[in-house]
């Protein structure tokens, strides 16, 4: 099967898997408290050994939630062996929403590929590039909090951690960093806001040049992150299935997706903001409001690349960095008093399997372009 046809089928299947969930919830009596109904959360762990599209899963944590008939979300952190790309690890988020008669799927993911010459996380020091491969972590996990309310709006957090990611060093001298990705969810009536905080712990990091000599203390370096994002219309038609929606606008710190509805009204579908402010931690001190280099570019094979460059860090002085990008996804209103009647755990396993298949296929398709 041609890669482009396989890509189309997988994305279409991912969208169709959500339709029974949305159709099986009902509107209940009005909530006298005036609160936004709480999202329903389900978590799951898929053990080693599952074969997915020729790839062998080495363990996957899943989290998903439903919010009304018009919105659902899935997030996973995983490690697997792909026959073409070798050992891989990373995370992915899929946000399904119903807007203007269409099912839309917003995606964000970061994936370390075993044979990828362009690492998604790396350090640049005096011209030397030091890759940080997520699959070199000692372990990874995901923890989801309970729902709490701030005023009338439900919130919760999801924390994914890659522990002690080993860096290349000469001999047996250990060096590692830990990465913590925290999603802060605010689930309002017609919009989900996701604060995607990144915390990089550098306290165990030792840096070496390619000639195996240690980088001198107080040397300047940068820490770099590359994200992939995209938005797809997953409402099938006679001519096509899933169709990529190109960003309406791209600026220095974000991108947005808009459509024009009936009557010429412009409607916002989703937007991503990578704030160029971040915090550098130096032991017990914090240097706030430092400026990162942020930019966006089209991705080969579809979607966009988001780049964050945390510059002007100091070796053996900088012990951590903290940043907090924001994602807004819009959807039709959640019914007052909504309570789900479809068990979310029935939809999580096939959706997350399709998500992994999608990323594997999209990577292979992009490599052939």
Protein backbone atom coordinates (compact mmCIF):
# COMPACT_ATOMS: atom_id res chain seq x y z
CA UNK A 1 0.00 0.00 0.00
CA UNK A 2 1.35 3.43 -0.89
CA UNK A 3 2.47 5.50 2.14
CA UNK A 4 0.12 8.38 1.30
CA UNK A 5 -2.90 6.02 1.12
CA UNK A 6 -1.87 4.34 4.38
CA UNK A 7 -1.53 7.75 6.04
CA UNK A 8 -5.04 8.70 4.89
CA UNK A 9 -6.57 5.45 6.21
CA UNK A 10 -4.90 5.69 9.62
CA UNK A 11 -5.94 9.28 10.26
CA UNK A 12 -9.50 8.51 9.14
CA UNK A 13 -9.66 5.53 11.51
CA UNK A 14 -8.36 7.64 14.40
CA UNK A 15 -11.19 10.13 13.87
CA UNK A 16 -13.93 7.53 13.46
CA UNK A 17 -12.97 5.80 16.71
CA UNK A 18 -14.19 8.85 18.63
CA UNK A 19 -17.65 9.09 17.07
CA UNK A 20 -19.37 6.45 19.27
CA UNK A 21 -18.10 8.20 22.41
CA UNK A 22 -19.55 11.55 21.43
CA UNK A 23 -22.86 10.03 20.40
CA UNK A 24 -23.45 8.11 23.63
CA UNK A 25 -23.57 11.00 26.08
CA UNK A 26 -26.80 12.75 26.94
CA UNK A 27 -27.98 16.09 28.28
CA UNK A 28 -29.16 15.99 31.87
CA UNK A 29 -31.01 18.46 34.05
CA UNK A 30 -29.42 21.86 34.57
CA UNK A 31 -26.67 22.03 37.16
CA UNK A 32 -27.95 24.40 39.84
CA UNK A 33 -24.38 25.27 40.86
CA UNK A 34 -23.72 26.87 37.49
CA UNK A 35 -20.43 24.97 37.21
CA UNK A 36 -18.91 23.63 34.01
CA UNK A 37 -19.41 19.83 34.08
CA UNK A 38 -16.25 17.97 35.06
CA UNK A 39 -14.36 16.07 32.35
CA UNK A 40 -14.28 12.29 32.75
CA UNK A 41 -10.70 10.95 32.92
CA UNK A 42 -9.38 7.46 32.24
CA UNK A 43 -5.75 6.26 32.54
CA UNK A 44 -4.18 3.03 31.37
CA UNK A 45 -0.83 1.26 30.95
CA UNK A 46 -0.08 -0.98 27.95
CA UNK A 47 2.72 -3.46 28.80
CA UNK A 48 5.69 -4.54 26.71
CA UNK A 49 5.40 -6.76 23.66
CA UNK A 50 2.42 -5.35 21.77
CA UNK A 51 3.04 -5.34 18.02
CA UNK A 52 1.75 -2.16 16.37
CA UNK A 53 2.21 -1.67 12.63
CA UNK A 54 5.44 -3.69 12.68
CA UNK A 55 6.76 -1.79 15.74
CA UNK A 56 7.23 -3.50 19.11
CA UNK A 57 5.90 -1.54 22.06
CA UNK A 58 8.17 -1.37 25.12
CA UNK A 59 5.49 0.12 27.34
CA UNK A 60 2.99 2.96 26.99
CA UNK A 61 1.10 5.15 29.48
CA UNK A 62 -2.26 6.48 28.24
CA UNK A 63 -4.51 9.24 29.56
CA UNK A 64 -7.77 10.35 27.99
CA UNK A 65 -10.81 12.38 28.92
CA UNK A 66 -14.18 13.27 27.49
CA UNK A 67 -15.92 16.60 27.92
CA UNK A 68 -19.39 16.78 26.45
CA UNK A 69 -20.39 15.19 23.15
CA UNK A 70 -18.09 17.59 21.31
CA UNK A 71 -14.64 17.15 22.79
CA UNK A 72 -12.25 14.36 23.77
CA UNK A 73 -8.54 14.18 24.41
CA UNK A 74 -5.85 11.51 24.44
CA UNK A 75 -2.24 11.73 25.63
CA UNK A 76 0.44 9.05 25.78
CA UNK A 77 4.10 8.60 26.67
CA UNK A 78 5.79 5.56 25.15
CA UNK A 79 8.86 3.66 24.01
CA UNK A 80 8.98 1.23 21.09
CA UNK A 81 11.21 -0.41 18.50
CA UNK A 82 10.47 0.51 14.89
CA UNK A 83 11.98 -1.70 12.15
CA UNK A 84 12.99 1.36 10.08
CA UNK A 85 13.93 3.87 12.79
CA UNK A 86 15.22 1.65 15.61
CA UNK A 87 14.58 2.47 19.27
CA UNK A 88 12.11 5.37 19.67
CA UNK A 89 10.55 7.19 22.61
CA UNK A 90 8.42 10.28 23.14
CA UNK A 91 4.96 11.59 23.82
CA UNK A 92 1.89 12.62 21.84
CA UNK A 93 -1.31 14.55 22.51
CA UNK A 94 -4.47 14.39 20.36
CA UNK A 95 -7.34 16.81 20.97
CA UNK A 96 -10.58 15.95 19.15
CA UNK A 97 -13.20 18.70 18.90
CA UNK A 98 -16.43 19.37 16.99
CA UNK A 99 -16.55 22.83 15.39
CA UNK A 100 -18.83 24.18 12.64
CA UNK A 101 -20.05 20.70 11.67
CA UNK A 102 -16.57 19.16 11.45
CA UNK A 103 -14.53 16.81 13.63
CA UNK A 104 -11.07 18.29 14.11
CA UNK A 105 -7.96 16.63 15.49
CA UNK A 106 -5.18 18.81 16.90
CA UNK A 107 -1.88 17.00 17.48
CA UNK A 108 1.33 17.82 19.30
CA UNK A 109 4.15 15.36 19.74
CA UNK A 110 7.88 14.99 20.38
CA UNK A 111 9.59 11.75 19.34
CA UNK A 112 13.23 10.65 19.52
CA UNK A 113 14.03 8.36 16.58
CA UNK A 114 16.93 5.92 16.86
CA UNK A 115 18.35 6.70 13.42
CA UNK A 116 17.33 10.36 13.29
CA UNK A 117 20.18 12.75 12.55
CA UNK A 118 18.05 15.66 13.83
CA UNK A 119 17.44 15.10 17.57
CA UNK A 120 14.31 16.71 19.04
CA UNK A 121 16.20 17.70 22.21
CA UNK A 122 19.85 18.71 22.16
CA UNK A 123 22.52 20.97 23.67
CA UNK A 124 24.67 23.32 21.62
CA UNK A 125 27.96 24.26 23.22
CA UNK A 126 30.78 26.08 21.40
CA UNK A 127 29.55 24.66 18.09
CA UNK A 128 29.33 21.04 19.32
CA UNK A 129 25.85 19.46 19.22
CA UNK A 130 25.15 17.04 22.09
CA UNK A 131 21.98 14.99 21.36
CA UNK A 132 19.54 14.13 24.14
CA UNK A 133 17.61 11.00 23.13
CA UNK A 134 14.49 10.35 25.20
CA UNK A 135 14.92 6.56 24.81
CA UNK A 136 18.15 6.78 26.84
CA UNK A 137 16.17 7.51 30.02
CA UNK A 138 16.40 5.16 32.99
CA UNK A 139 12.58 5.09 33.18
CA UNK A 140 9.51 7.12 32.25
CA UNK A 141 6.06 7.52 33.77
CA UNK A 142 2.85 9.54 33.72
CA UNK A 143 0.72 10.71 36.67
CA UNK A 144 -2.72 12.36 36.34
CA UNK A 145 -4.34 14.35 39.14
CA UNK A 146 -7.98 14.43 40.18
CA UNK A 147 -10.26 17.17 38.86
CA UNK A 148 -10.53 20.27 41.04
CA UNK A 149 -12.48 23.50 40.49
CA UNK A 150 -11.21 27.05 40.29
CA UNK A 151 -14.42 29.01 40.61
CA UNK A 152 -16.88 27.33 38.22
CA UNK A 153 -14.24 25.83 35.91
CA UNK A 154 -12.74 22.32 36.28
CA UNK A 155 -8.95 21.89 36.13
CA UNK A 156 -6.48 19.03 36.43
CA UNK A 157 -2.84 18.24 35.63
CA UNK A 158 -1.00 15.47 33.80
CA UNK A 159 2.72 14.97 34.48
CA UNK A 160 5.07 12.97 32.23
CA UNK A 161 8.65 12.40 33.32
CA UNK A 162 11.68 11.01 31.48
CA UNK A 163 14.09 10.19 34.32
CA UNK A 164 17.88 10.44 34.03
CA UNK A 165 18.32 10.62 30.24
CA UNK A 166 21.92 9.52 29.72
CA UNK A 167 24.27 11.77 27.73
CA UNK A 168 27.30 10.52 25.85
CA UNK A 169 30.47 10.76 27.95
CA UNK A 170 33.96 9.29 27.68
CA UNK A 171 34.59 6.19 29.79
CA UNK A 172 32.12 5.55 32.61
CA UNK A 173 31.68 9.13 33.79
CA UNK A 174 27.88 9.42 34.31
CA UNK A 175 25.95 12.38 32.92
CA UNK A 176 22.19 12.79 32.60
CA UNK A 177 19.28 15.20 32.61
CA UNK A 178 15.63 14.66 33.54
CA UNK A 179 12.72 16.19 31.63
CA UNK A 180 9.29 16.79 33.15
CA UNK A 181 6.41 17.76 30.83
CA UNK A 182 3.34 18.96 32.75
CA UNK A 183 -0.02 19.75 31.13
CA UNK A 184 -2.27 22.08 33.14
CA UNK A 185 -5.83 21.66 31.77
CA UNK A 186 -8.58 24.26 32.13
CA UNK A 187 -11.81 22.85 30.64
CA UNK A 188 -14.24 25.71 30.02
CA UNK A 189 -17.61 25.57 28.21
CA UNK A 190 -16.27 26.05 24.68
CA UNK A 191 -12.49 26.08 25.03
CA UNK A 192 -9.77 23.87 26.45
CA UNK A 193 -6.63 25.69 27.57
CA UNK A 194 -3.51 23.59 28.05
CA UNK A 195 -0.46 25.05 29.75
CA UNK A 196 2.38 22.72 28.66
CA UNK A 197 5.10 23.40 31.20
CA UNK A 198 8.58 22.00 30.54
CA UNK A 199 11.04 21.51 33.40
CA UNK A 200 14.60 20.40 32.59
CA UNK A 201 16.65 19.27 35.59
CA UNK A 202 20.37 19.70 34.80
CA UNK A 203 21.87 18.97 38.24
CA UNK A 204 23.42 15.65 37.08
CA UNK A 205 24.66 16.97 33.73
CA UNK A 206 28.30 16.88 32.65
CA UNK A 207 29.21 18.15 29.19
CA UNK A 208 32.02 16.92 26.97
CA UNK A 209 33.21 18.10 23.57
CA UNK A 210 33.48 15.63 20.70
CA UNK A 211 37.23 15.38 21.46
CA UNK A 212 36.18 13.92 24.88
CA UNK A 213 37.49 16.85 26.93
CA UNK A 214 35.09 18.27 29.51
CA UNK A 215 33.55 21.64 28.76
CA UNK A 216 35.13 24.27 31.06
CA UNK A 217 32.90 25.50 33.86
CA UNK A 218 31.09 28.81 33.20
CA UNK A 219 30.99 28.08 29.44
CA UNK A 220 27.83 29.32 27.71
CA UNK A 221 25.49 26.73 26.14
CA UNK A 222 21.91 26.42 24.86
CA UNK A 223 19.18 23.81 25.44
CA UNK A 224 16.92 23.20 22.43
CA UNK A 225 13.49 21.59 21.95
CA UNK A 226 11.69 20.74 18.70
CA UNK A 227 7.94 20.00 18.75
CA UNK A 228 5.62 18.81 15.96
CA UNK A 229 2.07 20.21 15.70
CA UNK A 230 -0.76 19.88 13.20
CA UNK A 231 -4.53 20.24 12.75
CA UNK A 232 -6.66 17.89 10.65
CA UNK A 233 -10.29 17.88 9.54
CA UNK A 234 -11.37 14.28 10.14
CA UNK A 235 -14.93 14.58 8.80
CA UNK A 236 -14.96 12.19 5.80
CA UNK A 237 -16.42 13.26 2.46
CA UNK A 238 -16.93 11.48 -0.85
CA UNK A 239 -13.71 12.95 -2.23
CA UNK A 240 -11.36 12.55 0.71
CA UNK A 241 -11.06 11.70 4.37
CA UNK A 242 -8.76 13.48 6.80
CA UNK A 243 -7.43 16.75 5.42
CA UNK A 244 -4.63 18.81 6.94
CA UNK A 245 -5.63 22.38 7.84
CA UNK A 246 -2.77 24.78 7.25
CA UNK A 247 -2.11 27.49 9.86
CA UNK A 248 -3.90 30.76 9.15
CA UNK A 249 -1.06 32.75 10.64
CA UNK A 250 2.44 32.12 11.96
CA UNK A 251 4.31 34.71 14.01
CA UNK A 252 7.43 34.74 16.12
CA UNK A 253 5.91 33.04 19.16
CA UNK A 254 2.86 31.15 17.89
CA UNK A 255 0.53 29.95 15.20
CA UNK A 256 -3.27 29.90 14.82
CA UNK A 257 -5.86 27.98 12.82
CA UNK A 258 -9.01 29.85 11.74
CA UNK A 259 -11.90 29.18 9.34
CA UNK A 260 -14.63 31.38 7.89
CA UNK A 261 -18.10 30.17 8.75
CA UNK A 262 -21.52 31.07 7.37
CA UNK A 263 -22.12 34.80 7.05
CA UNK A 264 -18.40 35.48 6.74
CA UNK A 265 -17.71 35.14 10.47
CA UNK A 266 -14.11 34.21 11.28
CA UNK A 267 -13.88 31.38 13.80
CA UNK A 268 -10.80 30.33 15.77
CA UNK A 269 -10.17 26.57 15.83
CA UNK A 270 -6.89 26.34 17.73
CA UNK A 271 -3.83 28.36 18.59
CA UNK A 272 -0.42 27.60 20.06
CA UNK A 273 1.73 30.12 21.92
CA UNK A 274 5.33 29.34 22.79
CA UNK A 275 6.04 32.16 25.21
CA UNK A 276 9.55 33.47 24.69
CA UNK A 277 9.92 34.11 28.43
CA UNK A 278 11.35 31.39 30.64
CA UNK A 279 12.97 30.92 34.04
CA UNK A 280 16.57 29.85 34.56
CA UNK A 281 17.32 28.17 37.89
CA UNK A 282 20.78 28.63 39.39
CA UNK A 283 20.83 26.52 42.53
CA UNK A 284 18.58 28.31 45.03
CA UNK A 285 18.23 31.39 42.82
CA UNK A 286 15.81 31.94 39.93
CA UNK A 287 16.43 34.27 37.00
CA UNK A 288 12.97 35.04 35.62
CA UNK A 289 11.76 36.57 32.35
CA UNK A 290 14.74 35.43 30.30
CA UNK A 291 14.09 35.47 26.56
CA UNK A 292 14.14 32.28 24.49
CA UNK A 293 14.41 32.09 20.71
CA UNK A 294 11.09 30.78 19.38
CA UNK A 295 10.03 30.19 15.78
CA UNK A 296 7.84 27.98 13.60
CA UNK A 297 8.34 26.34 10.20
CA UNK A 298 6.38 23.96 7.91
CA UNK A 299 7.26 20.29 8.45
CA UNK A 300 8.21 17.95 5.61
CA UNK A 301 5.30 15.53 5.22
CA UNK A 302 2.74 17.85 6.86
CA UNK A 303 2.19 19.91 10.00
CA UNK A 304 4.56 22.43 11.56
CA UNK A 305 7.74 22.33 13.58
CA UNK A 306 7.92 24.45 16.73
CA UNK A 307 11.39 25.41 17.90
CA UNK A 308 12.43 26.61 21.37
CA UNK A 309 16.02 27.70 21.98
CA UNK A 310 17.01 28.45 25.58
CA UNK A 311 20.24 30.37 25.13
CA UNK A 312 22.76 32.09 27.41
CA UNK A 313 22.82 29.23 29.92
CA UNK A 314 26.01 28.67 31.93
CA UNK A 315 27.62 25.27 32.44
CA UNK A 316 27.92 24.25 36.11
CA UNK A 317 25.84 27.31 37.09
CA UNK A 318 22.47 26.65 35.41
CA UNK A 319 20.72 23.79 37.26
CA UNK A 320 17.29 23.86 35.59
CA UNK A 321 15.06 25.73 33.15
CA UNK A 322 11.26 26.18 33.25
CA UNK A 323 9.00 27.24 30.35
CA UNK A 324 5.23 27.25 29.90
CA UNK A 325 3.80 27.27 26.34
CA UNK A 326 0.00 27.47 25.93
CA UNK A 327 -2.43 25.64 23.63
CA UNK A 328 -6.06 26.73 23.13
CA UNK A 329 -8.51 24.40 21.36
CA UNK A 330 -12.08 25.57 20.72
CA UNK A 331 -15.17 23.37 20.47
CA UNK A 332 -18.97 23.43 20.62
CA UNK A 333 -20.44 24.08 24.07
CA UNK A 334 -20.53 21.34 26.69
CA UNK A 335 -24.20 20.64 27.62
CA UNK A 336 -25.24 21.81 31.08
CA UNK A 337 -25.27 18.86 33.47
CA UNK A 338 -23.52 16.58 30.97
CA UNK A 339 -22.68 13.09 32.28
CA UNK A 340 -20.99 10.50 30.02
CA UNK A 341 -22.75 7.20 29.41
CA UNK A 342 -19.98 5.56 27.34
CA UNK A 343 -17.06 3.93 29.22
CA UNK A 344 -13.95 5.84 28.20
CA UNK A 345 -11.67 2.87 28.80
CA UNK A 346 -13.18 1.13 25.75
CA UNK A 347 -11.94 3.89 23.47
CA UNK A 348 -8.47 4.52 24.91
CA UNK A 349 -6.62 1.38 23.72
CA UNK A 350 -7.62 1.52 20.02
CA UNK A 351 -7.18 5.30 19.88
CA UNK A 352 -3.67 5.20 21.33
CA UNK A 353 -2.70 2.32 19.02
CA UNK A 354 -3.93 4.32 16.03
CA UNK A 355 -1.97 7.33 17.35
CA UNK A 356 1.26 5.34 17.38
CA UNK A 357 0.54 3.90 13.93
CA UNK A 358 -0.08 7.43 12.66
CA UNK A 359 3.24 8.81 13.91
CA UNK A 360 5.21 5.80 12.57
CA UNK A 361 3.53 6.03 9.17
CA UNK A 362 3.86 9.82 8.96
CA UNK A 363 7.57 9.59 9.79
CA UNK A 364 8.16 6.97 7.07
CA UNK A 365 6.10 8.96 4.58
CA UNK A 366 8.07 12.15 5.30
CA UNK A 367 11.37 10.28 4.87
CA UNK A 368 10.35 9.31 1.32
CA UNK A 369 9.51 12.87 0.21
